[in-house]
C-alpha atoms as a PDB file:
ATOM      1  CA  UNK A   1       5.080  88.764 -32.551  1.00  0.00           C
ATOM      2  CA  UNK A   2       3.962  86.602 -28.999  1.00  0.00           C
ATOM      3  CA  UNK A   3       0.993  87.745 -27.450  1.00  0.00           C
ATOM      4  CA  UNK A   4       1.463  86.483 -23.603  1.00  0.00           C
ATOM      5  CA  UNK A   5      -1.896  87.470 -23.112  1.00  0.00           C
ATOM      6  CA  UNK A   6      -3.298  84.958 -25.617  1.00  0.00           C
ATOM      7  CA  UNK A   7      -5.034  81.909 -23.741  1.00  0.00           C
ATOM      8  CA  UNK A   8      -4.063  78.836 -25.277  1.00  0.00           C
ATOM      9  CA  UNK A   9      -7.148  76.645 -24.863  1.00  0.00           C
ATOM     10  CA  UNK A  10      -8.641  78.994 -27.639  1.00  0.00           C
ATOM     11  CA  UNK A  11      -7.601  77.195 -30.742  1.00  0.00           C
ATOM     12  CA  UNK A  12      -7.277  73.785 -28.904  1.00  0.00           C
ATOM     13  CA  UNK A  13     -10.720  72.623 -29.786  1.00  0.00           C
ATOM     14  CA  UNK A  14     -11.362  71.519 -26.400  1.00  0.00           C
ATOM     15  CA  UNK A  15      -8.195  69.279 -26.116  1.00  0.00           C
ATOM     16  CA  UNK A  16      -5.087  69.941 -24.656  1.00  0.00           C
ATOM     17  CA  UNK A  17      -3.169  72.515 -25.794  1.00  0.00           C
ATOM     18  CA  UNK A  18      -0.063  71.144 -25.553  1.00  0.00           C
ATOM     19  CA  UNK A  19      -0.791  69.003 -28.674  1.00  0.00           C
ATOM     20  CA  UNK A  20      -3.455  70.731 -29.983  1.00  0.00           C
ATOM     21  CA  UNK A  21      -2.777  74.138 -29.926  1.00  0.00           C
ATOM     22  CA  UNK A  22      -1.325  75.512 -33.176  1.00  0.00           C
ATOM     23  CA  UNK A  23      -0.375  78.998 -31.392  1.00  0.00           C
ATOM     24  CA  UNK A  24       1.271  77.339 -28.436  1.00  0.00           C
ATOM     25  CA  UNK A  25       3.496  75.398 -30.951  1.00  0.00           C
ATOM     26  CA  UNK A  26       4.159  78.394 -33.182  1.00  0.00           C
ATOM     27  CA  UNK A  27       5.388  80.569 -30.197  1.00  0.00           C
ATOM     28  CA  UNK A  28       7.419  77.438 -28.859  1.00  0.00           C
ATOM     29  CA  UNK A  29       8.968  77.361 -32.211  1.00  0.00           C
ATOM     30  CA  UNK A  30       9.705  81.065 -32.412  1.00  0.00           C
ATOM     31  CA  UNK A  31      10.707  81.327 -28.513  1.00  0.00           C
ATOM     32  CA  UNK A  32      13.318  78.241 -28.200  1.00  0.00           C
ATOM     33  CA  UNK A  33      14.816  78.400 -31.963  1.00  0.00           C
ATOM     34  CA  UNK A  34      17.931  80.522 -30.894  1.00  0.00           C
ATOM     35  CA  UNK A  35      21.940  80.086 -30.398  1.00  0.00           C
ATOM     36  CA  UNK A  36      22.778  77.680 -27.848  1.00  0.00           C
ATOM     37  CA  UNK A  37      25.070  79.527 -25.037  1.00  0.00           C
ATOM     38  CA  UNK A  38      27.978  78.600 -26.981  1.00  0.00           C
ATOM     39  CA  UNK A  39      26.564  80.501 -30.110  1.00  0.00           C
ATOM     40  CA  UNK A  40      25.924  77.098 -32.274  1.00  0.00           C
ATOM     41  CA  UNK A  41      22.307  77.568 -33.834  1.00  0.00           C
ATOM     42  CA  UNK A  42      19.391  75.709 -32.465  1.00  0.00           C
ATOM     43  CA  UNK A  43      16.619  75.509 -34.685  1.00  0.00           C
ATOM     44  CA  UNK A  44      13.118  73.914 -34.647  1.00  0.00           C
ATOM     45  CA  UNK A  45      11.101  73.011 -37.354  1.00  0.00           C
ATOM     46  CA  UNK A  46       7.284  73.293 -36.863  1.00  0.00           C
ATOM     47  CA  UNK A  47       7.248  69.960 -35.287  1.00  0.00           C
ATOM     48  CA  UNK A  48       9.202  71.247 -32.983  1.00  0.00           C
ATOM     49  CA  UNK A  49      12.184  68.665 -34.077  1.00  0.00           C
ATOM     50  CA  UNK A  50      16.122  69.426 -34.131  1.00  0.00           C
ATOM     51  CA  UNK A  51      18.446  67.798 -36.130  1.00  0.00           C
ATOM     52  CA  UNK A  52      21.951  68.722 -36.933  1.00  0.00           C
ATOM     53  CA  UNK A  53      25.406  67.816 -35.881  1.00  0.00           C
ATOM     54  CA  UNK A  54      24.436  68.410 -32.234  1.00  0.00           C
ATOM     55  CA  UNK A  55      21.781  65.363 -32.679  1.00  0.00           C
ATOM     56  CA  UNK A  56      18.328  64.791 -33.224  1.00  0.00           C
ATOM     57  CA  UNK A  57      15.951  66.083 -30.663  1.00  0.00           C
ATOM     58  CA  UNK A  58      12.085  65.854 -30.491  1.00  0.00           C
ATOM     59  CA  UNK A  59      10.674  68.276 -28.241  1.00  0.00           C
ATOM     60  CA  UNK A  60       7.006  68.258 -26.689  1.00  0.00           C
ATOM     61  CA  UNK A  61       5.295  70.941 -25.157  1.00  0.00           C
ATOM     62  CA  UNK A  62       4.473  70.963 -21.587  1.00  0.00           C
ATOM     63  CA  UNK A  63       2.573  72.926 -18.949  1.00  0.00           C
ATOM     64  CA  UNK A  64       5.034  74.054 -16.136  1.00  0.00           C
ATOM     65  CA  UNK A  65       2.493  75.194 -13.596  1.00  0.00           C
ATOM     66  CA  UNK A  66      -0.254  73.078 -11.786  1.00  0.00           C
ATOM     67  CA  UNK A  67      -3.246  74.135  -9.787  1.00  0.00           C
ATOM     68  CA  UNK A  68      -4.828  70.938  -8.970  1.00  0.00           C
ATOM     69  CA  UNK A  69      -8.212  72.519  -9.662  1.00  0.00           C
ATOM     70  CA  UNK A  70      -9.945  69.603 -10.866  1.00  0.00           C
ATOM     71  CA  UNK A  71      -8.556  66.883  -8.225  1.00  0.00           C
ATOM     72  CA  UNK A  72     -11.038  65.448  -5.700  1.00  0.00           C
ATOM     73  CA  UNK A  73      -8.513  63.692  -3.268  1.00  0.00           C
ATOM     74  CA  UNK A  74      -6.567  63.962  -1.209  1.00  0.00           C
ATOM     75  CA  UNK A  75      -9.168  65.462   1.050  1.00  0.00           C
ATOM     76  CA  UNK A  76      -6.438  67.597   2.506  1.00  0.00           C
ATOM     77  CA  UNK A  77      -5.912  69.237  -0.889  1.00  0.00           C
ATOM     78  CA  UNK A  78      -9.405  69.576  -2.041  1.00  0.00           C
ATOM     79  CA  UNK A  79      -9.905  71.124   1.553  1.00  0.00           C
ATOM     80  CA  UNK A  80      -6.944  73.629   1.119  1.00  0.00           C
ATOM     81  CA  UNK A  81      -7.836  74.558  -2.275  1.00  0.00           C
ATOM     82  CA  UNK A  82     -11.086  75.239  -1.711  1.00  0.00           C
ATOM     83  CA  UNK A  83     -10.548  77.290   1.609  1.00  0.00           C
ATOM     84  CA  UNK A  84      -9.586  80.187  -1.437  1.00  0.00           C
ATOM     85  CA  UNK A  85     -11.941  82.893  -2.254  1.00  0.00           C
ATOM     86  CA  UNK A  86     -14.207  82.862  -4.764  1.00  0.00           C
ATOM     87  CA  UNK A  87     -12.434  83.279  -8.179  1.00  0.00           C
ATOM     88  CA  UNK A  88      -8.397  83.197  -7.225  1.00  0.00           C
ATOM     89  CA  UNK A  89      -8.390  79.761  -8.742  1.00  0.00           C
ATOM     90  CA  UNK A  90     -10.278  80.327 -11.672  1.00  0.00           C
ATOM     91  CA  UNK A  91      -7.442  83.426 -12.001  1.00  0.00           C
ATOM     92  CA  UNK A  92      -4.690  80.713 -11.392  1.00  0.00           C
ATOM     93  CA  UNK A  93      -6.003  78.376 -13.953  1.00  0.00           C
ATOM     94  CA  UNK A  94      -6.399  80.863 -16.643  1.00  0.00           C
ATOM     95  CA  UNK A  95      -2.645  82.082 -15.675  1.00  0.00           C
ATOM     96  CA  UNK A  96      -1.776  78.819 -16.320  1.00  0.00           C
ATOM     97  CA  UNK A  97      -3.279  78.715 -19.934  1.00  0.00           C
ATOM     98  CA  UNK A  98      -0.873  81.698 -21.144  1.00  0.00           C
ATOM     99  CA  UNK A  99       2.461  80.851 -22.934  1.00  0.00           C
ATOM    100  CA  UNK A 100       4.471  81.868 -19.916  1.00  0.00           C
ATOM    101  CA  UNK A 101       3.167  78.817 -18.043  1.00  0.00           C
ATOM    102  CA  UNK A 102       4.632  76.584 -20.818  1.00  0.00           C
ATOM    103  CA  UNK A 103       7.917  74.884 -21.840  1.00  0.00           C
ATOM    104  CA  UNK A 104       9.175  72.186 -23.759  1.00  0.00           C
ATOM    105  CA  UNK A 105      11.050  68.885 -22.732  1.00  0.00           C
ATOM    106  CA  UNK A 106      12.858  66.452 -24.630  1.00  0.00           C
ATOM    107  CA  UNK A 107      10.729  63.003 -25.637  1.00  0.00           C
ATOM    108  CA  UNK A 108      10.698  60.417 -28.332  1.00  0.00           C
ATOM    109  CA  UNK A 109      13.898  58.538 -27.223  1.00  0.00           C
ATOM    110  CA  UNK A 110      14.426  54.499 -27.800  1.00  0.00           C
ATOM    111  CA  UNK A 111      16.716  52.732 -25.251  1.00  0.00           C
ATOM    112  CA  UNK A 112      16.918  49.636 -26.782  1.00  0.00           C
ATOM    113  CA  UNK A 113      13.530  48.420 -28.543  1.00  0.00           C
ATOM    114  CA  UNK A 114      11.445  50.373 -26.089  1.00  0.00           C
ATOM    115  CA  UNK A 115      10.626  54.272 -25.968  1.00  0.00           C
ATOM    116  CA  UNK A 116      11.537  55.735 -23.336  1.00  0.00           C
ATOM    117  CA  UNK A 117       9.275  57.335 -20.701  1.00  0.00           C
ATOM    118  CA  UNK A 118       9.145  60.932 -21.543  1.00  0.00           C
ATOM    119  CA  UNK A 119      10.284  63.817 -18.523  1.00  0.00           C
ATOM    120  CA  UNK A 120       6.910  65.001 -18.471  1.00  0.00           C
ATOM    121  CA  UNK A 121       5.165  61.435 -17.696  1.00  0.00           C
ATOM    122  CA  UNK A 122       8.005  61.114 -15.178  1.00  0.00           C
ATOM    123  CA  UNK A 123       7.680  64.409 -13.300  1.00  0.00           C
ATOM    124  CA  UNK A 124       3.826  63.740 -13.617  1.00  0.00           C
ATOM    125  CA  UNK A 125       3.912  60.517 -12.179  1.00  0.00           C
ATOM    126  CA  UNK A 126       6.621  60.975  -9.341  1.00  0.00           C
ATOM    127  CA  UNK A 127       5.135  60.976  -5.904  1.00  0.00           C
ATOM    128  CA  UNK A 128       8.187  63.244  -4.699  1.00  0.00           C
ATOM    129  CA  UNK A 129       7.555  65.497  -7.732  1.00  0.00           C
ATOM    130  CA  UNK A 130       3.783  65.713  -8.179  1.00  0.00           C
ATOM    131  CA  UNK A 131       3.850  67.649 -11.348  1.00  0.00           C
ATOM    132  CA  UNK A 132       5.624  70.365  -9.870  1.00  0.00           C
ATOM    133  CA  UNK A 133       8.056  72.551 -11.783  1.00  0.00           C
ATOM    134  CA  UNK A 134       9.940  73.921  -9.434  1.00  0.00           C
ATOM    135  CA  UNK A 135      10.643  70.515  -7.823  1.00  0.00           C
ATOM    136  CA  UNK A 136      11.586  69.161 -11.426  1.00  0.00           C
ATOM    137  CA  UNK A 137      13.803  71.983 -12.169  1.00  0.00           C
ATOM    138  CA  UNK A 138      15.586  71.200  -8.961  1.00  0.00           C
ATOM    139  CA  UNK A 139      16.148  67.860 -10.279  1.00  0.00           C
ATOM    140  CA  UNK A 140      17.945  69.375 -13.519  1.00  0.00           C
ATOM    141  CA  UNK A 141      19.803  71.312 -10.981  1.00  0.00           C
ATOM    142  CA  UNK A 142      21.149  68.248  -9.343  1.00  0.00           C
ATOM    143  CA  UNK A 143      21.684  66.754 -13.122  1.00  0.00           C
ATOM    144  CA  UNK A 144      24.035  69.290 -13.747  1.00  0.00           C
ATOM    145  CA  UNK A 145      25.486  69.009 -10.617  1.00  0.00           C
ATOM    146  CA  UNK A 146      26.403  65.199 -11.098  1.00  0.00           C
ATOM    147  CA  UNK A 147      24.015  64.852  -8.257  1.00  0.00           C
ATOM    148  CA  UNK A 148      20.911  62.613  -7.602  1.00  0.00           C
ATOM    149  CA  UNK A 149      17.409  63.400  -7.995  1.00  0.00           C
ATOM    150  CA  UNK A 150      13.935  61.568  -8.044  1.00  0.00           C
ATOM    151  CA  UNK A 151      14.185  61.933 -11.824  1.00  0.00           C
ATOM    152  CA  UNK A 152      17.725  60.723 -11.940  1.00  0.00           C
ATOM    153  CA  UNK A 153      16.610  57.837 -13.981  1.00  0.00           C
ATOM    154  CA  UNK A 154      14.061  59.465 -15.798  1.00  0.00           C
ATOM    155  CA  UNK A 155      17.030  61.883 -17.311  1.00  0.00           C
ATOM    156  CA  UNK A 156      19.190  59.374 -18.539  1.00  0.00           C
ATOM    157  CA  UNK A 157      17.844  58.930 -22.096  1.00  0.00           C
ATOM    158  CA  UNK A 158      17.562  62.990 -22.671  1.00  0.00           C
ATOM    159  CA  UNK A 159      21.560  63.544 -20.980  1.00  0.00           C
ATOM    160  CA  UNK A 160      22.637  64.523 -24.709  1.00  0.00           C
ATOM    161  CA  UNK A 161      20.080  67.166 -24.583  1.00  0.00           C
ATOM    162  CA  UNK A 162      20.841  68.943 -21.451  1.00  0.00           C
ATOM    163  CA  UNK A 163      24.516  68.591 -22.260  1.00  0.00           C
ATOM    164  CA  UNK A 164      23.989  71.000 -25.203  1.00  0.00           C
ATOM    165  CA  UNK A 165      23.579  73.725 -22.910  1.00  0.00           C
ATOM    166  CA  UNK A 166      26.795  73.654 -21.133  1.00  0.00           C
ATOM    167  CA  UNK A 167      25.325  74.109 -17.611  1.00  0.00           C
ATOM    168  CA  UNK A 168      22.822  74.455 -15.447  1.00  0.00           C
ATOM    169  CA  UNK A 169      22.917  78.280 -15.924  1.00  0.00           C
ATOM    170  CA  UNK A 170      23.078  77.937 -19.865  1.00  0.00           C
ATOM    171  CA  UNK A 171      19.751  75.560 -19.648  1.00  0.00           C
ATOM    172  CA  UNK A 172      17.921  78.007 -17.302  1.00  0.00           C
ATOM    173  CA  UNK A 173      18.874  81.457 -19.811  1.00  0.00           C
ATOM    174  CA  UNK A 174      17.920  79.269 -23.151  1.00  0.00           C
ATOM    175  CA  UNK A 175      14.201  78.860 -21.610  1.00  0.00           C
ATOM    176  CA  UNK A 176      13.804  81.876 -19.810  1.00  0.00           C
ATOM    177  CA  UNK A 177      13.760  80.391 -16.488  1.00  0.00           C
ATOM    178  CA  UNK A 178      15.748  82.802 -14.431  1.00  0.00           C
ATOM    179  CA  UNK A 179      12.930  84.196 -12.111  1.00  0.00           C
ATOM    180  CA  UNK A 180      12.692  80.817 -10.667  1.00  0.00           C
ATOM    181  CA  UNK A 181      16.311  80.377 -10.074  1.00  0.00           C
ATOM    182  CA  UNK A 182      18.440  82.838  -7.413  1.00  0.00           C
ATOM    183  CA  UNK A 183      21.659  84.750  -8.608  1.00  0.00           C
ATOM    184  CA  UNK A 184      23.471  82.029  -6.865  1.00  0.00           C
ATOM    185  CA  UNK A 185      22.342  79.099  -9.164  1.00  0.00           C
ATOM    186  CA  UNK A 186      19.628  77.837  -6.392  1.00  0.00           C
ATOM    187  CA  UNK A 187      15.973  76.724  -7.662  1.00  0.00           C
ATOM    188  CA  UNK A 188      13.606  79.343  -5.828  1.00  0.00           C
ATOM    189  CA  UNK A 189      10.795  77.166  -4.646  1.00  0.00           C
ATOM    190  CA  UNK A 190       6.938  77.719  -4.865  1.00  0.00           C
ATOM    191  CA  UNK A 191       6.573  76.066  -1.136  1.00  0.00           C
ATOM    192  CA  UNK A 192       8.993  75.629   1.697  1.00  0.00           C
ATOM    193  CA  UNK A 193      11.512  72.708   0.334  1.00  0.00           C
ATOM    194  CA  UNK A 194      12.495  69.382   2.441  1.00  0.00           C
ATOM    195  CA  UNK A 195      14.804  68.168  -0.048  1.00  0.00           C
ATOM    196  CA  UNK A 196      12.240  65.492  -1.533  1.00  0.00           C
ATOM    197  CA  UNK A 197      11.177  64.047   2.044  1.00  0.00           C
ATOM    198  CA  UNK A 198       8.096  66.099   2.333  1.00  0.00           C
ATOM    199  CA  UNK A 199       4.540  66.184   0.699  1.00  0.00           C
ATOM    200  CA  UNK A 200       5.114  67.481  -2.880  1.00  0.00           C
ATOM    201  CA  UNK A 201       1.480  68.546  -3.038  1.00  0.00           C
ATOM    202  CA  UNK A 202       0.801  71.779  -1.704  1.00  0.00           C
ATOM    203  CA  UNK A 203      -2.215  70.552   0.679  1.00  0.00           C
ATOM    204  CA  UNK A 204      -0.789  70.948   4.318  1.00  0.00           C
ATOM    205  CA  UNK A 205      -3.199  74.104   4.933  1.00  0.00           C
ATOM    206  CA  UNK A 206      -5.031  76.781   2.919  1.00  0.00           C
ATOM    207  CA  UNK A 207      -2.016  79.181   3.708  1.00  0.00           C
ATOM    208  CA  UNK A 208       0.427  76.767   1.843  1.00  0.00           C
ATOM    209  CA  UNK A 209      -2.103  76.491  -0.943  1.00  0.00           C
ATOM    210  CA  UNK A 210      -2.575  80.402  -1.500  1.00  0.00           C
ATOM    211  CA  UNK A 211       1.468  80.586  -0.929  1.00  0.00           C
ATOM    212  CA  UNK A 212       2.270  78.322  -4.115  1.00  0.00           C
ATOM    213  CA  UNK A 213      -0.623  79.999  -6.160  1.00  0.00           C
ATOM    214  CA  UNK A 214       0.629  83.268  -5.458  1.00  0.00           C
ATOM    215  CA  UNK A 215       4.308  82.254  -6.235  1.00  0.00           C
ATOM    216  CA  UNK A 216       3.096  80.379  -9.367  1.00  0.00           C
ATOM    217  CA  UNK A 217       1.264  83.434 -10.240  1.00  0.00           C
ATOM    218  CA  UNK A 218       3.911  85.634 -10.080  1.00  0.00           C
ATOM    219  CA  UNK A 219       6.591  83.190 -11.858  1.00  0.00           C
ATOM    220  CA  UNK A 220       4.172  83.152 -14.623  1.00  0.00           C
ATOM    221  CA  UNK A 221       3.687  86.813 -15.005  1.00  0.00           C
ATOM    222  CA  UNK A 222       7.510  87.284 -15.046  1.00  0.00           C
ATOM    223  CA  UNK A 223       8.147  84.834 -17.368  1.00  0.00           C
ATOM    224  CA  UNK A 224       5.517  86.298 -19.742  1.00  0.00           C
ATOM    225  CA  UNK A 225       7.203  89.728 -19.467  1.00  0.00           C
ATOM    226  CA  UNK A 226      10.964  87.793 -20.419  1.00  0.00           C
ATOM    227  CA  UNK A 227       9.285  85.902 -23.385  1.00  0.00           C
ATOM    228  CA  UNK A 228       7.430  89.397 -24.700  1.00  0.00           C
ATOM    229  CA  UNK A 229      10.934  90.822 -24.616  1.00  0.00           C
ATOM    230  CA  UNK A 230      12.632  87.712 -25.866  1.00  0.00           C
ATOM    231  CA  UNK A 231      10.462  87.687 -29.050  1.00  0.00           C
ATOM    232  CA  UNK A 232      10.666  91.711 -29.361  1.00  0.00           C
ATOM    233  CA  UNK A 233      14.889  91.412 -29.134  1.00  0.00           C
ATOM    234  CA  UNK A 234      14.564  88.644 -31.778  1.00  0.00           C
ATOM    235  CA  UNK A 235      12.260  90.322 -34.226  1.00  0.00           C
ATOM    236  CA  UNK A 236      14.292  93.783 -33.806  1.00  0.00           C
ATOM    237  CA  UNK A 237      17.712  92.802 -33.097  1.00  0.00           C
ATOM    238  CA  UNK A 238      17.883  94.755 -30.240  1.00  0.00           C
ATOM    239  CA  UNK A 239      19.039  93.888 -26.520  1.00  0.00           C
ATOM    240  CA  UNK A 240      16.097  94.443 -24.061  1.00  0.00           C
ATOM    241  CA  UNK A 241      16.079  93.656 -20.430  1.00  0.00           C
ATOM    242  CA  UNK A 242      12.927  93.366 -18.196  1.00  0.00           C
ATOM    243  CA  UNK A 243      12.603  94.383 -14.524  1.00  0.00           C
ATOM    244  CA  UNK A 244      10.060  92.582 -12.580  1.00  0.00           C
ATOM    245  CA  UNK A 245       8.233  94.917 -10.050  1.00  0.00           C
ATOM    246  CA  UNK A 246       7.101  92.111  -7.686  1.00  0.00           C
ATOM    247  CA  UNK A 247       5.959  92.517  -4.147  1.00  0.00           C
ATOM    248  CA  UNK A 248       8.572  92.066  -1.639  1.00  0.00           C
ATOM    249  CA  UNK A 249       8.467  89.194   0.711  1.00  0.00           C
ATOM    250  CA  UNK A 250      10.581  88.380   4.002  1.00  0.00           C
ATOM    251  CA  UNK A 251      14.583  87.375   2.434  1.00  0.00           C
ATOM    252  CA  UNK A 252      15.410  83.686   2.137  1.00  0.00           C
ATOM    253  CA  UNK A 253      11.480  82.991   2.098  1.00  0.00           C
ATOM    254  CA  UNK A 254      10.997  80.166  -0.604  1.00  0.00           C
ATOM    255  CA  UNK A 255      14.931  79.643  -1.194  1.00  0.00           C
ATOM    256  CA  UNK A 256      16.669  76.017  -0.238  1.00  0.00           C
ATOM    257  CA  UNK A 257      19.117  75.863   2.647  1.00  0.00           C
ATOM    258  CA  UNK A 258      22.333  74.652   1.433  1.00  0.00           C
ATOM    259  CA  UNK A 259      22.836  73.447   4.931  1.00  0.00           C
ATOM    260  CA  UNK A 260      19.662  70.733   4.286  1.00  0.00           C
ATOM    261  CA  UNK A 261      20.764  69.451   1.048  1.00  0.00           C
ATOM    262  CA  UNK A 262      22.834  66.542   0.973  1.00  0.00           C
ATOM    263  CA  UNK A 263      25.200  66.005  -2.366  1.00  0.00           C
ATOM    264  CA  UNK A 264      23.391  62.423  -2.966  1.00  0.00           C
ATOM    265  CA  UNK A 265      19.905  62.766  -1.797  1.00  0.00           C
ATOM    266  CA  UNK A 266      17.912  59.647  -3.131  1.00  0.00           C
ATOM    267  CA  UNK A 267      14.131  59.725  -2.808  1.00  0.00           C
ATOM    268  CA  UNK A 268      11.936  56.645  -3.790  1.00  0.00           C
ATOM    269  CA  UNK A 269      10.856  56.262  -6.720  1.00  0.00           C
ATOM    270  CA  UNK A 270      -2.550  59.950 -12.542  1.00  0.00           C
ATOM    271  CA  UNK A 271      -1.780  62.831 -13.829  1.00  0.00           C
ATOM    272  CA  UNK A 272      -4.745  64.848 -14.783  1.00  0.00           C
ATOM    273  CA  UNK A 273      -5.181  67.357 -17.695  1.00  0.00           C
ATOM    274  CA  UNK A 274      -5.027  70.515 -16.311  1.00  0.00           C
ATOM    275  CA  UNK A 275      -4.495  72.838 -18.962  1.00  0.00           C
ATOM    276  CA  UNK A 276      -8.229  73.996 -19.809  1.00  0.00           C
ATOM    277  CA  UNK A 277     -11.294  73.941 -18.050  1.00  0.00           C
ATOM    278  CA  UNK A 278     -13.154  72.995 -21.021  1.00  0.00           C
ATOM    279  CA  UNK A 279     -11.014  69.726 -21.593  1.00  0.00           C
ATOM    280  CA  UNK A 280     -13.196  66.767 -20.385  1.00  0.00           C
ATOM    281  CA  UNK A 281      20.470  56.334 -23.922  1.00  0.00           C
ATOM    282  CA  UNK A 282      22.656  57.843 -26.120  1.00  0.00           C
ATOM    283  CA  UNK A 283      26.224  56.307 -26.656  1.00  0.00           C
ATOM    284  CA  UNK A 284      28.426  58.848 -24.420  1.00  0.00           C
ATOM    285  CA  UNK A 285      26.483  57.993 -21.362  1.00  0.00           C
ATOM    286  CA  UNK A 286      26.995  55.562 -19.002  1.00  0.00           C
ATOM    287  CA  UNK A 287      25.177  54.665 -15.929  1.00  0.00           C
ATOM    288  CA  UNK A 288      25.833  52.463 -13.056  1.00  0.00           C
ATOM    289  CA  UNK A 289      23.128  51.501 -10.461  1.00  0.00           C
ATOM    290  CA  UNK A 290      22.993  50.007  -6.888  1.00  0.00           C
ATOM    291  CA  UNK A 291      21.267  47.069  -5.558  1.00  0.00           C
ATOM    292  CA  UNK A 292      18.071  49.443  -5.144  1.00  0.00           C
ATOM    293  CA  UNK A 293      18.177  50.585  -8.698  1.00  0.00           C
ATOM    294  CA  UNK A 294      19.468  53.996  -8.060  1.00  0.00           C
ATOM    295  CA  UNK A 295      21.552  55.797 -10.628  1.00  0.00           C
ATOM    296  CA  UNK A 296      24.944  56.323  -9.180  1.00  0.00           C
ATOM    297  CA  UNK A 297      26.508  58.084 -12.216  1.00  0.00           C
ATOM    298  CA  UNK A 298      24.797  60.161 -14.584  1.00  0.00           C
ATOM    299  CA  UNK A 299      27.684  60.177 -17.391  1.00  0.00           C
ATOM    300  CA  UNK A 300      30.975  59.313 -17.743  1.00  0.00           C
ATOM    301  CA  UNK A 301      31.859  62.723 -17.540  1.00  0.00           C
ATOM    302  CA  UNK A 302      29.239  64.703 -15.443  1.00  0.00           C
ATOM    303  CA  UNK A 303      27.724  67.554 -16.938  1.00  0.00           C
ATOM    304  CA  UNK A 304      29.159  69.967 -14.147  1.00  0.00           C
ATOM    305  CA  UNK A 305      30.780  69.232 -10.955  1.00  0.00           C
ATOM    306  CA  UNK A 306      29.865  71.530  -7.658  1.00  0.00           C
ATOM    307  CA  UNK A 307      32.930  74.441  -7.354  1.00  0.00           C
ATOM    308  CA  UNK A 308      33.968  73.711 -10.763  1.00  0.00           C
ATOM    309  CA  UNK A 309      34.983  76.816 -13.151  1.00  0.00           C
ATOM    310  CA  UNK A 310      31.661  75.942 -15.351  1.00  0.00           C
ATOM    311  CA  UNK A 311      29.605  76.357 -12.060  1.00  0.00           C
ATOM    312  CA  UNK A 312      31.102  79.555 -11.628  1.00  0.00           C
ATOM    313  CA  UNK A 313      30.520  80.295 -15.210  1.00  0.00           C
ATOM    314  CA  UNK A 314      26.929  79.024 -14.518  1.00  0.00           C
ATOM    315  CA  UNK A 315      26.536  81.502 -11.761  1.00  0.00           C
ATOM    316  CA  UNK A 316      27.957  84.159 -13.380  1.00  0.00           C
ATOM    317  CA  UNK A 317      25.252  83.760 -16.553  1.00  0.00           C
ATOM    318  CA  UNK A 318      22.658  83.405 -14.020  1.00  0.00           C
ATOM    319  CA  UNK A 319      23.478  86.794 -12.260  1.00  0.00           C
ATOM    320  CA  UNK A 320      23.850  88.711 -15.268  1.00  0.00           C
ATOM    321  CA  UNK A 321      20.768  87.603 -17.255  1.00  0.00           C
ATOM    322  CA  UNK A 322      18.422  88.254 -14.620  1.00  0.00           C
ATOM    323  CA  UNK A 323      17.554  91.352 -12.596  1.00  0.00           C
ATOM    324  CA  UNK A 324      16.578  91.702  -8.745  1.00  0.00           C
ATOM    325  CA  UNK A 325      13.135  90.197  -7.980  1.00  0.00           C
ATOM    326  CA  UNK A 326      11.425  88.493  -5.073  1.00  0.00           C
ATOM    327  CA  UNK A 327       8.554  86.546  -4.391  1.00  0.00           C
ATOM    328  CA  UNK A 328       5.057  88.003  -3.486  1.00  0.00           C
ATOM    329  CA  UNK A 329       4.356  88.160   0.047  1.00  0.00           C
ATOM    330  CA  UNK A 330       2.503  84.865   1.358  1.00  0.00           C
ATOM    331  CA  UNK A 331      -1.508  85.953   1.339  1.00  0.00           C
END
């Protein structure tokens, strides 16, 4: 079984739980070793490695919430964070050390004679992402839709991994990310989304940081509940659903505007260990680039095209796999 209250710092020996918590690794293996949307098996060994006719994939743990608790600059972020009431950031940090705040991403892929930078590294270093998973998930959504994003080039060595889930809905369902996506397939953001043109840091004001924190913690709680239900279903073979009882917020808050989301948004192209306070191209892919070096084609055949039957199936899967829920009201 999976204990969603377990603090993954406990067995990390004061190091990064991503690479040193055996419990976290065991939970990842249990959660993500399951059939793909098309029914094919996807099993991981104790090293989170998969090898079958699907291909060979090395997966690595990654924390998907960021408190920025240890950052000392920029000053606008420090000011917004430090304006929080005593204990709130600590509670945020602690929530980010439960299994609901972690996922796995592909890594260890060679491009020619060099190892490709991992998605984890790329999203942590990109100034338009700043290690935020809501923004990363929007980039993944655009990958499936055949659209560009700040992480388009970073995804290229890993396109074959994303393809095995069929579409965005399949990816979201497999990794229990339904509470970060609307029933229509749009990403729900932790702060207002400006199509990757604004500051990715929740640093505009104390109110913005508080909203970012509250929505992040609500997502972690909802995902922990989903993970627990998923583990119970795997163990018992039963079919259980989870209803998230989050506080309501104004309709549409935190959700993207389709009118403000161009189909070909191109953005210009560090990272701390925030896991715990105690821690001091594949052959099927064809990419082309314009003169600025931005990717103009994700693959010879896009994973999914907006408005296609695949996209419709993805939306149907999202709608059927999640219960209605809403973000917490801004503090």
